[in-house]
Amino acid sequence: MKEKFVVLLSSAIILSALGFMFAASPKDQPLKIGYVNSGTILNQLPAAQAAQRKLDALMKAWSDTVDQMSKQYQEKVDAYTKQAAMMTDQAKQQAQQDINNLQQQIIAYRQEKVGQGGELDQAREKLLKPIRDKVYGIIAKVAKDQKMQFVFDKREEMAVILYADPDYDLTYKVLDILNREKAK
Protein backbone atom coordinates (compact mmCIF):
# COMPACT_ATOMS: atom_id res chain seq x y z
CA MET A 1 0.00 0.00 0.00
CA LYS A 2 2.81 2.39 0.92
CA GLU A 3 4.60 1.53 -2.32
CA LYS A 4 1.51 2.43 -4.39
CA PHE A 5 1.18 5.74 -2.53
CA VAL A 6 4.83 6.57 -3.24
CA VAL A 7 4.37 5.70 -6.93
CA LEU A 8 1.23 7.81 -7.21
CA LEU A 9 2.85 10.73 -5.38
CA SER A 10 5.97 10.45 -7.54
CA SER A 11 3.83 10.33 -10.68
CA ALA A 12 1.90 13.42 -9.61
CA ILE A 13 5.13 15.31 -8.91
CA ILE A 14 6.66 14.24 -12.22
CA LEU A 15 3.56 15.16 -14.19
CA SER A 16 3.39 18.54 -12.47
CA ALA A 17 7.05 19.16 -13.26
CA LEU A 18 6.52 18.11 -16.87
CA GLY A 19 3.55 20.44 -17.18
CA PHE A 20 5.67 23.31 -15.88
CA MET A 21 8.57 22.42 -18.15
CA PHE A 22 6.34 22.04 -21.18
CA ALA A 23 4.80 25.42 -20.53
CA ALA A 24 8.26 26.93 -20.11
CA SER A 25 9.89 25.18 -23.10
CA PRO A 26 10.37 27.04 -26.35
CA LYS A 27 7.57 26.42 -28.85
CA ASP A 28 9.99 25.39 -31.58
CA GLN A 29 11.37 22.55 -29.42
CA PRO A 30 8.60 20.19 -28.33
CA LEU A 31 9.07 18.16 -25.20
CA LYS A 32 10.00 14.56 -26.05
CA ILE A 33 9.21 11.82 -23.57
CA GLY A 34 9.91 8.11 -23.97
CA TYR A 35 9.46 5.04 -21.83
CA VAL A 36 10.95 1.62 -21.31
CA ASN A 37 9.72 -1.55 -19.68
CA SER A 38 12.58 -2.41 -17.33
CA GLY A 39 10.93 -5.76 -16.51
CA THR A 40 11.12 -6.80 -20.16
CA ILE A 41 14.73 -5.68 -20.38
CA LEU A 42 15.80 -7.53 -17.23
CA ASN A 43 13.85 -10.67 -18.19
CA GLN A 44 15.77 -10.87 -21.47
CA LEU A 45 19.27 -10.20 -20.15
CA PRO A 46 21.27 -13.36 -19.45
CA ALA A 47 23.16 -11.65 -16.59
CA ALA A 48 19.89 -10.70 -14.91
CA GLN A 49 18.50 -14.20 -15.45
CA ALA A 50 21.61 -15.70 -13.84
CA ALA A 51 21.34 -13.28 -10.91
CA GLN A 52 17.69 -14.25 -10.46
CA ARG A 53 18.59 -17.95 -10.46
CA LYS A 54 21.14 -17.27 -7.69
CA LEU A 55 18.52 -15.37 -5.69
CA ASP A 56 16.01 -18.18 -6.22
CA ALA A 57 18.57 -20.74 -4.98
CA LEU A 58 19.17 -18.65 -1.84
CA MET A 59 15.43 -18.39 -1.24
CA LYS A 60 15.01 -22.16 -1.70
CA ALA A 61 17.77 -22.92 0.82
CA TRP A 62 16.30 -20.48 3.35
CA SER A 63 12.81 -21.81 2.75
CA ASP A 64 14.01 -25.38 3.34
CA THR A 65 15.61 -24.30 6.62
CA VAL A 66 12.43 -22.53 7.75
CA ASP A 67 10.40 -25.62 6.81
CA GLN A 68 12.74 -27.81 8.88
CA MET A 69 12.55 -25.42 11.84
CA SER A 70 8.75 -25.25 11.54
CA LYS A 71 8.53 -29.03 11.48
CA GLN A 72 10.68 -29.21 14.62
CA TYR A 73 8.47 -26.55 16.25
CA GLN A 74 5.29 -28.46 15.40
CA GLU A 75 6.78 -31.69 16.76
CA LYS A 76 7.58 -29.95 20.07
CA VAL A 77 4.06 -28.49 20.25
CA ASP A 78 2.52 -31.90 19.55
CA ALA A 79 4.73 -33.61 22.14
CA TYR A 80 3.90 -30.94 24.71
CA THR A 81 0.17 -31.25 24.00
CA LYS A 82 0.28 -35.03 24.47
CA GLN A 83 2.38 -34.95 27.64
CA ALA A 84 1.19 -31.73 29.33
CA ALA A 85 -1.30 -33.51 31.63
CA MET A 86 1.46 -35.70 33.07
CA MET A 87 4.08 -32.93 33.47
CA THR A 88 4.96 -31.02 36.59
CA ASP A 89 4.44 -27.26 36.56
CA GLN A 90 8.17 -26.73 36.26
CA ALA A 91 8.42 -29.16 33.32
CA LYS A 92 5.45 -27.41 31.63
CA GLN A 93 7.11 -24.03 32.01
CA GLN A 94 10.37 -25.39 30.62
CA ALA A 95 8.59 -27.01 27.64
CA GLN A 96 6.63 -23.81 26.95
CA GLN A 97 9.85 -21.80 27.13
CA ASP A 98 11.54 -24.18 24.68
CA ILE A 99 8.59 -23.85 22.29
CA ASN A 100 8.59 -20.06 22.58
CA ASN A 101 12.36 -19.93 22.03
CA LEU A 102 12.07 -22.04 18.90
CA GLN A 103 9.25 -19.85 17.62
CA GLN A 104 11.39 -16.74 18.22
CA GLN A 105 14.31 -18.38 16.40
CA ILE A 106 12.09 -19.01 13.38
CA ILE A 107 10.90 -15.39 13.36
CA ALA A 108 14.45 -14.07 13.79
CA TYR A 109 15.76 -16.32 11.00
CA ARG A 110 13.05 -15.17 8.59
CA GLN A 111 13.74 -11.54 9.45
CA GLU A 112 17.49 -11.98 9.06
CA LYS A 113 17.15 -13.68 5.69
CA VAL A 114 14.14 -12.14 3.95
CA GLY A 115 13.11 -9.22 6.14
CA GLN A 116 13.61 -5.61 5.12
CA GLY A 117 17.34 -5.00 4.83
CA GLY A 118 18.03 -8.71 5.29
CA GLU A 119 20.36 -10.98 3.40
CA LEU A 120 17.97 -11.26 0.43
CA ASP A 121 17.88 -7.49 -0.04
CA GLN A 122 21.68 -7.34 0.30
CA ALA A 123 22.21 -10.18 -2.19
CA ARG A 124 19.71 -8.64 -4.62
CA GLU A 125 21.51 -5.30 -4.41
CA LYS A 126 24.93 -6.92 -4.86
CA LEU A 127 23.85 -9.04 -7.83
CA LEU A 128 21.52 -6.64 -9.63
CA LYS A 129 23.09 -3.20 -9.03
CA PRO A 130 25.81 -3.59 -11.69
CA ILE A 131 23.19 -4.85 -14.16
CA ARG A 132 20.78 -1.99 -13.37
CA ASP A 133 23.59 0.56 -13.63
CA LYS A 134 24.52 -0.74 -17.08
CA VAL A 135 20.88 -0.76 -18.22
CA TYR A 136 20.34 2.79 -16.92
CA GLY A 137 23.46 3.91 -18.77
CA ILE A 138 22.16 2.43 -22.02
CA ILE A 139 18.73 4.01 -21.39
CA ALA A 140 20.43 7.39 -20.99
CA LYS A 141 22.41 6.82 -24.22
CA VAL A 142 19.29 5.87 -26.18
CA ALA A 143 17.37 8.81 -24.71
CA LYS A 144 20.12 11.21 -25.79
CA ASP A 145 20.32 9.64 -29.26
CA GLN A 146 16.52 9.96 -29.60
CA LYS A 147 16.64 13.51 -28.16
CA MET A 148 14.30 12.59 -25.30
CA GLN A 149 14.09 14.88 -22.30
CA PHE A 150 12.49 12.24 -20.05
CA VAL A 151 12.23 8.46 -19.99
CA PHE A 152 9.76 6.68 -17.72
CA ASP A 153 9.49 3.06 -16.69
CA LYS A 154 6.36 1.11 -17.60
CA ARG A 155 6.70 -2.21 -15.77
CA GLU A 156 3.81 -4.64 -15.46
CA GLU A 157 4.15 -4.81 -11.66
CA MET A 158 4.20 -1.07 -11.02
CA ALA A 159 3.61 1.22 -13.97
CA VAL A 160 4.44 4.87 -13.50
CA ILE A 161 2.76 5.57 -16.85
CA LEU A 162 -0.95 4.98 -17.24
CA TYR A 163 -0.90 5.28 -21.02
CA ALA A 164 1.96 5.32 -23.49
CA ASP A 165 2.05 5.44 -27.26
CA PRO A 166 4.12 2.45 -28.44
CA ASP A 167 5.95 4.71 -30.92
CA TYR A 168 7.88 6.14 -27.95
CA ASP A 169 8.82 2.79 -26.41
CA LEU A 170 12.61 2.65 -26.13
CA THR A 171 12.70 -0.82 -24.53
CA TYR A 172 13.83 -2.70 -27.62
CA LYS A 173 16.34 -0.03 -28.64
CA VAL A 174 17.94 -0.47 -25.20
CA LEU A 175 17.87 -4.27 -25.57
CA ASP A 176 19.39 -4.01 -29.05
CA ILE A 177 22.36 -2.03 -27.72
CA LEU A 178 22.79 -4.37 -24.74
CA ASN A 179 22.71 -7.40 -27.06
CA ARG A 180 25.20 -5.83 -29.47
CA GLU A 181 27.56 -5.11 -26.53
CA LYS A 182 27.23 -8.72 -25.39
CA ALA A 183 28.09 -9.97 -28.88
CA LYS A 184 31.37 -8.03 -28.95
C-alpha atoms as a PDB file:
ATOM      1  CA  MET A   1       0.000   0.000   0.000  1.00  0.00           C
ATOM      2  CA  LYS A   2       2.813   2.387   0.921  1.00  0.00           C
ATOM      3  CA  GLU A   3       4.604   1.531  -2.325  1.00  0.00           C
ATOM      4  CA  LYS A   4       1.509   2.426  -4.387  1.00  0.00           C
ATOM      5  CA  PHE A   5       1.184   5.739  -2.533  1.00  0.00           C
ATOM      6  CA  VAL A   6       4.827   6.569  -3.236  1.00  0.00           C
ATOM      7  CA  VAL A   7       4.371   5.703  -6.925  1.00  0.00           C
ATOM      8  CA  LEU A   8       1.234   7.815  -7.209  1.00  0.00           C
ATOM      9  CA  LEU A   9       2.852  10.725  -5.379  1.00  0.00           C
ATOM     10  CA  SER A  10       5.971  10.451  -7.543  1.00  0.00           C
ATOM     11  CA  SER A  11       3.826  10.326 -10.680  1.00  0.00           C
ATOM     12  CA  ALA A  12       1.901  13.422  -9.611  1.00  0.00           C
ATOM     13  CA  ILE A  13       5.133  15.313  -8.907  1.00  0.00           C
ATOM     14  CA  ILE A  14       6.663  14.238 -12.217  1.00  0.00           C
ATOM     15  CA  LEU A  15       3.559  15.160 -14.189  1.00  0.00           C
ATOM     16  CA  SER A  16       3.394  18.537 -12.467  1.00  0.00           C
ATOM     17  CA  ALA A  17       7.054  19.163 -13.257  1.00  0.00           C
ATOM     18  CA  LEU A  18       6.521  18.112 -16.870  1.00  0.00           C
ATOM     19  CA  GLY A  19       3.552  20.441 -17.178  1.00  0.00           C
ATOM     20  CA  PHE A  20       5.669  23.307 -15.875  1.00  0.00           C
ATOM     21  CA  MET A  21       8.574  22.423 -18.151  1.00  0.00           C
ATOM     22  CA  PHE A  22       6.335  22.039 -21.183  1.00  0.00           C
ATOM     23  CA  ALA A  23       4.795  25.420 -20.530  1.00  0.00           C
ATOM     24  CA  ALA A  24       8.264  26.930 -20.111  1.00  0.00           C
ATOM     25  CA  SER A  25       9.894  25.177 -23.096  1.00  0.00           C
ATOM     26  CA  PRO A  26      10.368  27.039 -26.347  1.00  0.00           C
ATOM     27  CA  LYS A  27       7.568  26.421 -28.846  1.00  0.00           C
ATOM     28  CA  ASP A  28       9.986  25.387 -31.582  1.00  0.00           C
ATOM     29  CA  GLN A  29      11.373  22.551 -29.421  1.00  0.00           C
ATOM     30  CA  PRO A  30       8.602  20.191 -28.332  1.00  0.00           C
ATOM     31  CA  LEU A  31       9.071  18.155 -25.202  1.00  0.00           C
ATOM     32  CA  LYS A  32      10.001  14.556 -26.047  1.00  0.00           C
ATOM     33  CA  ILE A  33       9.209  11.817 -23.568  1.00  0.00           C
ATOM     34  CA  GLY A  34       9.913   8.113 -23.967  1.00  0.00           C
ATOM     35  CA  TYR A  35       9.462   5.038 -21.834  1.00  0.00           C
ATOM     36  CA  VAL A  36      10.948   1.618 -21.306  1.00  0.00           C
ATOM     37  CA  ASN A  37       9.716  -1.550 -19.681  1.00  0.00           C
ATOM     38  CA  SER A  38      12.576  -2.414 -17.329  1.00  0.00           C
ATOM     39  CA  GLY A  39      10.926  -5.755 -16.510  1.00  0.00           C
ATOM     40  CA  THR A  40      11.118  -6.796 -20.164  1.00  0.00           C
ATOM     41  CA  ILE A  41      14.732  -5.678 -20.384  1.00  0.00           C
ATOM     42  CA  LEU A  42      15.802  -7.529 -17.225  1.00  0.00           C
ATOM     43  CA  ASN A  43      13.850 -10.672 -18.194  1.00  0.00           C
ATOM     44  CA  GLN A  44      15.769 -10.870 -21.475  1.00  0.00           C
ATOM     45  CA  LEU A  45      19.266 -10.196 -20.150  1.00  0.00           C
ATOM     46  CA  PRO A  46      21.270 -13.359 -19.453  1.00  0.00           C
ATOM     47  CA  ALA A  47      23.157 -11.653 -16.593  1.00  0.00           C
ATOM     48  CA  ALA A  48      19.887 -10.697 -14.913  1.00  0.00           C
ATOM     49  CA  GLN A  49      18.505 -14.201 -15.449  1.00  0.00           C
ATOM     50  CA  ALA A  50      21.614 -15.703 -13.841  1.00  0.00           C
ATOM     51  CA  ALA A  51      21.336 -13.284 -10.908  1.00  0.00           C
ATOM     52  CA  GLN A  52      17.686 -14.249 -10.461  1.00  0.00           C
ATOM     53  CA  ARG A  53      18.588 -17.952 -10.464  1.00  0.00           C
ATOM     54  CA  LYS A  54      21.141 -17.270  -7.690  1.00  0.00           C
ATOM     55  CA  LEU A  55      18.524 -15.365  -5.686  1.00  0.00           C
ATOM     56  CA  ASP A  56      16.010 -18.185  -6.221  1.00  0.00           C
ATOM     57  CA  ALA A  57      18.573 -20.738  -4.983  1.00  0.00           C
ATOM     58  CA  LEU A  58      19.172 -18.650  -1.838  1.00  0.00           C
ATOM     59  CA  MET A  59      15.429 -18.387  -1.241  1.00  0.00           C
ATOM     60  CA  LYS A  60      15.011 -22.156  -1.704  1.00  0.00           C
ATOM     61  CA  ALA A  61      17.769 -22.917   0.818  1.00  0.00           C
ATOM     62  CA  TRP A  62      16.300 -20.485   3.348  1.00  0.00           C
ATOM     63  CA  SER A  63      12.805 -21.808   2.755  1.00  0.00           C
ATOM     64  CA  ASP A  64      14.007 -25.375   3.338  1.00  0.00           C
ATOM     65  CA  THR A  65      15.611 -24.296   6.620  1.00  0.00           C
ATOM     66  CA  VAL A  66      12.430 -22.530   7.747  1.00  0.00           C
ATOM     67  CA  ASP A  67      10.401 -25.624   6.807  1.00  0.00           C
ATOM     68  CA  GLN A  68      12.739 -27.807   8.878  1.00  0.00           C
ATOM     69  CA  MET A  69      12.552 -25.415  11.844  1.00  0.00           C
ATOM     70  CA  SER A  70       8.748 -25.249  11.538  1.00  0.00           C
ATOM     71  CA  LYS A  71       8.531 -29.027  11.483  1.00  0.00           C
ATOM     72  CA  GLN A  72      10.682 -29.211  14.621  1.00  0.00           C
ATOM     73  CA  TYR A  73       8.475 -26.546  16.246  1.00  0.00           C
ATOM     74  CA  GLN A  74       5.294 -28.461  15.398  1.00  0.00           C
ATOM     75  CA  GLU A  75       6.782 -31.692  16.758  1.00  0.00           C
ATOM     76  CA  LYS A  76       7.576 -29.947  20.068  1.00  0.00           C
ATOM     77  CA  VAL A  77       4.062 -28.488  20.249  1.00  0.00           C
ATOM     78  CA  ASP A  78       2.520 -31.904  19.546  1.00  0.00           C
ATOM     79  CA  ALA A  79       4.735 -33.611  22.137  1.00  0.00           C
ATOM     80  CA  TYR A  80       3.900 -30.942  24.710  1.00  0.00           C
ATOM     81  CA  THR A  81       0.170 -31.247  23.999  1.00  0.00           C
ATOM     82  CA  LYS A  82       0.279 -35.028  24.474  1.00  0.00           C
ATOM     83  CA  GLN A  83       2.380 -34.949  27.640  1.00  0.00           C
ATOM     84  CA  ALA A  84       1.187 -31.728  29.329  1.00  0.00           C
ATOM     85  CA  ALA A  85      -1.301 -33.512  31.632  1.00  0.00           C
ATOM     86  CA  MET A  86       1.462 -35.700  33.072  1.00  0.00           C
ATOM     87  CA  MET A  87       4.081 -32.931  33.475  1.00  0.00           C
ATOM     88  CA  THR A  88       4.958 -31.022  36.591  1.00  0.00           C
ATOM     89  CA  ASP A  89       4.438 -27.259  36.565  1.00  0.00           C
ATOM     90  CA  GLN A  90       8.170 -26.728  36.259  1.00  0.00           C
ATOM     91  CA  ALA A  91       8.418 -29.163  33.317  1.00  0.00           C
ATOM     92  CA  LYS A  92       5.452 -27.415  31.630  1.00  0.00           C
ATOM     93  CA  GLN A  93       7.115 -24.033  32.011  1.00  0.00           C
ATOM     94  CA  GLN A  94      10.373 -25.389  30.621  1.00  0.00           C
ATOM     95  CA  ALA A  95       8.590 -27.013  27.645  1.00  0.00           C
ATOM     96  CA  GLN A  96       6.632 -23.808  26.949  1.00  0.00           C
ATOM     97  CA  GLN A  97       9.852 -21.799  27.129  1.00  0.00           C
ATOM     98  CA  ASP A  98      11.537 -24.175  24.683  1.00  0.00           C
ATOM     99  CA  ILE A  99       8.592 -23.853  22.289  1.00  0.00           C
ATOM    100  CA  ASN A 100       8.592 -20.062  22.575  1.00  0.00           C
ATOM    101  CA  ASN A 101      12.357 -19.929  22.033  1.00  0.00           C
ATOM    102  CA  LEU A 102      12.070 -22.043  18.902  1.00  0.00           C
ATOM    103  CA  GLN A 103       9.249 -19.845  17.620  1.00  0.00           C
ATOM    104  CA  GLN A 104      11.390 -16.743  18.218  1.00  0.00           C
ATOM    105  CA  GLN A 105      14.308 -18.383  16.399  1.00  0.00           C
ATOM    106  CA  ILE A 106      12.090 -19.008  13.377  1.00  0.00           C
ATOM    107  CA  ILE A 107      10.899 -15.393  13.365  1.00  0.00           C
ATOM    108  CA  ALA A 108      14.445 -14.068  13.786  1.00  0.00           C
ATOM    109  CA  TYR A 109      15.757 -16.324  11.003  1.00  0.00           C
ATOM    110  CA  ARG A 110      13.054 -15.170   8.586  1.00  0.00           C
ATOM    111  CA  GLN A 111      13.737 -11.538   9.452  1.00  0.00           C
ATOM    112  CA  GLU A 112      17.490 -11.983   9.056  1.00  0.00           C
ATOM    113  CA  LYS A 113      17.150 -13.682   5.688  1.00  0.00           C
ATOM    114  CA  VAL A 114      14.137 -12.135   3.946  1.00  0.00           C
ATOM    115  CA  GLY A 115      13.110  -9.216   6.136  1.00  0.00           C
ATOM    116  CA  GLN A 116      13.615  -5.613   5.116  1.00  0.00           C
ATOM    117  CA  GLY A 117      17.341  -4.997   4.826  1.00  0.00           C
ATOM    118  CA  GLY A 118      18.029  -8.711   5.293  1.00  0.00           C
ATOM    119  CA  GLU A 119      20.359 -10.985   3.401  1.00  0.00           C
ATOM    120  CA  LEU A 120      17.970 -11.260   0.432  1.00  0.00           C
ATOM    121  CA  ASP A 121      17.885  -7.486  -0.038  1.00  0.00           C
ATOM    122  CA  GLN A 122      21.677  -7.335   0.297  1.00  0.00           C
ATOM    123  CA  ALA A 123      22.206 -10.179  -2.191  1.00  0.00           C
ATOM    124  CA  ARG A 124      19.708  -8.644  -4.618  1.00  0.00           C
ATOM    125  CA  GLU A 125      21.514  -5.296  -4.412  1.00  0.00           C
ATOM    126  CA  LYS A 126      24.933  -6.923  -4.861  1.00  0.00           C
ATOM    127  CA  LEU A 127      23.853  -9.043  -7.832  1.00  0.00           C
ATOM    128  CA  LEU A 128      21.518  -6.637  -9.629  1.00  0.00           C
ATOM    129  CA  LYS A 129      23.090  -3.204  -9.033  1.00  0.00           C
ATOM    130  CA  PRO A 130      25.811  -3.592 -11.692  1.00  0.00           C
ATOM    131  CA  ILE A 131      23.192  -4.846 -14.163  1.00  0.00           C
ATOM    132  CA  ARG A 132      20.779  -1.992 -13.374  1.00  0.00           C
ATOM    133  CA  ASP A 133      23.593   0.559 -13.632  1.00  0.00           C
ATOM    134  CA  LYS A 134      24.515  -0.745 -17.078  1.00  0.00           C
ATOM    135  CA  VAL A 135      20.880  -0.764 -18.221  1.00  0.00           C
ATOM    136  CA  TYR A 136      20.337   2.786 -16.924  1.00  0.00           C
ATOM    137  CA  GLY A 137      23.465   3.911 -18.765  1.00  0.00           C
ATOM    138  CA  ILE A 138      22.158   2.433 -22.016  1.00  0.00           C
ATOM    139  CA  ILE A 139      18.734   4.009 -21.391  1.00  0.00           C
ATOM    140  CA  ALA A 140      20.433   7.387 -20.994  1.00  0.00           C
ATOM    141  CA  LYS A 141      22.409   6.819 -24.220  1.00  0.00           C
ATOM    142  CA  VAL A 142      19.287   5.866 -26.183  1.00  0.00           C
ATOM    143  CA  ALA A 143      17.371   8.806 -24.708  1.00  0.00           C
ATOM    144  CA  LYS A 144      20.119  11.213 -25.787  1.00  0.00           C
ATOM    145  CA  ASP A 145      20.316   9.638 -29.255  1.00  0.00           C
ATOM    146  CA  GLN A 146      16.519   9.962 -29.598  1.00  0.00           C
ATOM    147  CA  LYS A 147      16.640  13.512 -28.160  1.00  0.00           C
ATOM    148  CA  MET A 148      14.296  12.593 -25.299  1.00  0.00           C
ATOM    149  CA  GLN A 149      14.091  14.878 -22.299  1.00  0.00           C
ATOM    150  CA  PHE A 150      12.495  12.241 -20.053  1.00  0.00           C
ATOM    151  CA  VAL A 151      12.232   8.458 -19.991  1.00  0.00           C
ATOM    152  CA  PHE A 152       9.757   6.684 -17.717  1.00  0.00           C
ATOM    153  CA  ASP A 153       9.487   3.063 -16.686  1.00  0.00           C
ATOM    154  CA  LYS A 154       6.357   1.110 -17.596  1.00  0.00           C
ATOM    155  CA  ARG A 155       6.701  -2.208 -15.766  1.00  0.00           C
ATOM    156  CA  GLU A 156       3.814  -4.640 -15.460  1.00  0.00           C
ATOM    157  CA  GLU A 157       4.153  -4.806 -11.661  1.00  0.00           C
ATOM    158  CA  MET A 158       4.200  -1.072 -11.019  1.00  0.00           C
ATOM    159  CA  ALA A 159       3.614   1.221 -13.971  1.00  0.00           C
ATOM    160  CA  VAL A 160       4.440   4.869 -13.499  1.00  0.00           C
ATOM    161  CA  ILE A 161       2.761   5.572 -16.850  1.00  0.00           C
ATOM    162  CA  LEU A 162      -0.948   4.980 -17.240  1.00  0.00           C
ATOM    163  CA  TYR A 163      -0.903   5.276 -21.025  1.00  0.00           C
ATOM    164  CA  ALA A 164       1.962   5.316 -23.489  1.00  0.00           C
ATOM    165  CA  ASP A 165       2.048   5.439 -27.263  1.00  0.00           C
ATOM    166  CA  PRO A 166       4.122   2.446 -28.440  1.00  0.00           C
ATOM    167  CA  ASP A 167       5.948   4.715 -30.917  1.00  0.00           C
ATOM    168  CA  TYR A 168       7.876   6.145 -27.947  1.00  0.00           C
ATOM    169  CA  ASP A 169       8.823   2.791 -26.415  1.00  0.00           C
ATOM    170  CA  LEU A 170      12.609   2.650 -26.129  1.00  0.00           C
ATOM    171  CA  THR A 171      12.700  -0.824 -24.526  1.00  0.00           C
ATOM    172  CA  TYR A 172      13.830  -2.704 -27.624  1.00  0.00           C
ATOM    173  CA  LYS A 173      16.344  -0.030 -28.637  1.00  0.00           C
ATOM    174  CA  VAL A 174      17.940  -0.468 -25.205  1.00  0.00           C
ATOM    175  CA  LEU A 175      17.865  -4.274 -25.572  1.00  0.00           C
ATOM    176  CA  ASP A 176      19.385  -4.008 -29.049  1.00  0.00           C
ATOM    177  CA  ILE A 177      22.358  -2.026 -27.718  1.00  0.00           C
ATOM    178  CA  LEU A 178      22.792  -4.371 -24.745  1.00  0.00           C
ATOM    179  CA  ASN A 179      22.709  -7.398 -27.061  1.00  0.00           C
ATOM    180  CA  ARG A 180      25.205  -5.828 -29.469  1.00  0.00           C
ATOM    181  CA  GLU A 181      27.560  -5.107 -26.533  1.00  0.00           C
ATOM    182  CA  LYS A 182      27.232  -8.716 -25.390  1.00  0.00           C
ATOM    183  CA  ALA A 183      28.087  -9.970 -28.885  1.00  0.00           C
ATOM    184  CA  LYS A 184      31.369  -8.033 -28.954  1.00  0.00           C
END
